Amino acid sequence: MPLLVTVVYLLTFISLLIENKKVDHYQQKSA
């Protein structure tokens, strides 16, 4: 069970990083 929780946490963390990069790229493009 702890392993599953760790995997879900990592996937969520990576998804947030990808979304942040997309937002930064979009802001740089509009500016």
Protein backbone atom coordinates (compact mmCIF):
# COMPACT_ATOMS: atom_id res chain seq x y z
CA MET A 1 0.00 0.00 0.00
CA PRO A 2 2.68 2.60 0.90
CA LEU A 3 4.29 1.98 -2.50
CA LEU A 4 1.02 2.78 -4.28
CA VAL A 5 0.66 6.02 -2.31
CA THR A 6 4.23 6.99 -3.27
CA VAL A 7 3.58 6.31 -6.96
CA VAL A 8 0.38 8.39 -6.93
CA TYR A 9 2.20 11.22 -5.13
CA LEU A 10 5.03 11.20 -7.69
CA LEU A 11 2.61 11.20 -10.63
CA THR A 12 0.72 14.14 -9.13
CA PHE A 13 3.97 16.03 -8.48
CA ILE A 14 5.22 15.43 -12.05
CA SER A 15 1.85 16.51 -13.49
CA LEU A 16 2.02 19.77 -11.51
CA LEU A 17 5.55 20.41 -12.79
CA ILE A 18 4.45 19.84 -16.40
CA GLU A 19 1.45 22.19 -15.96
CA ASN A 20 3.70 24.86 -14.44
CA LYS A 21 6.10 24.59 -17.39
CA LYS A 22 3.19 24.95 -19.85
CA VAL A 23 1.96 28.08 -18.04
CA ASP A 24 5.46 29.60 -17.96
CA HIS A 25 5.94 28.89 -21.66
CA TYR A 26 2.56 30.43 -22.50
CA GLN A 27 3.31 33.57 -20.45
CA GLN A 28 6.72 33.99 -22.11
CA LYS A 29 5.11 33.55 -25.53
CA SER A 30 2.46 36.22 -24.90
CA ALA A 31 4.99 38.63 -23.40
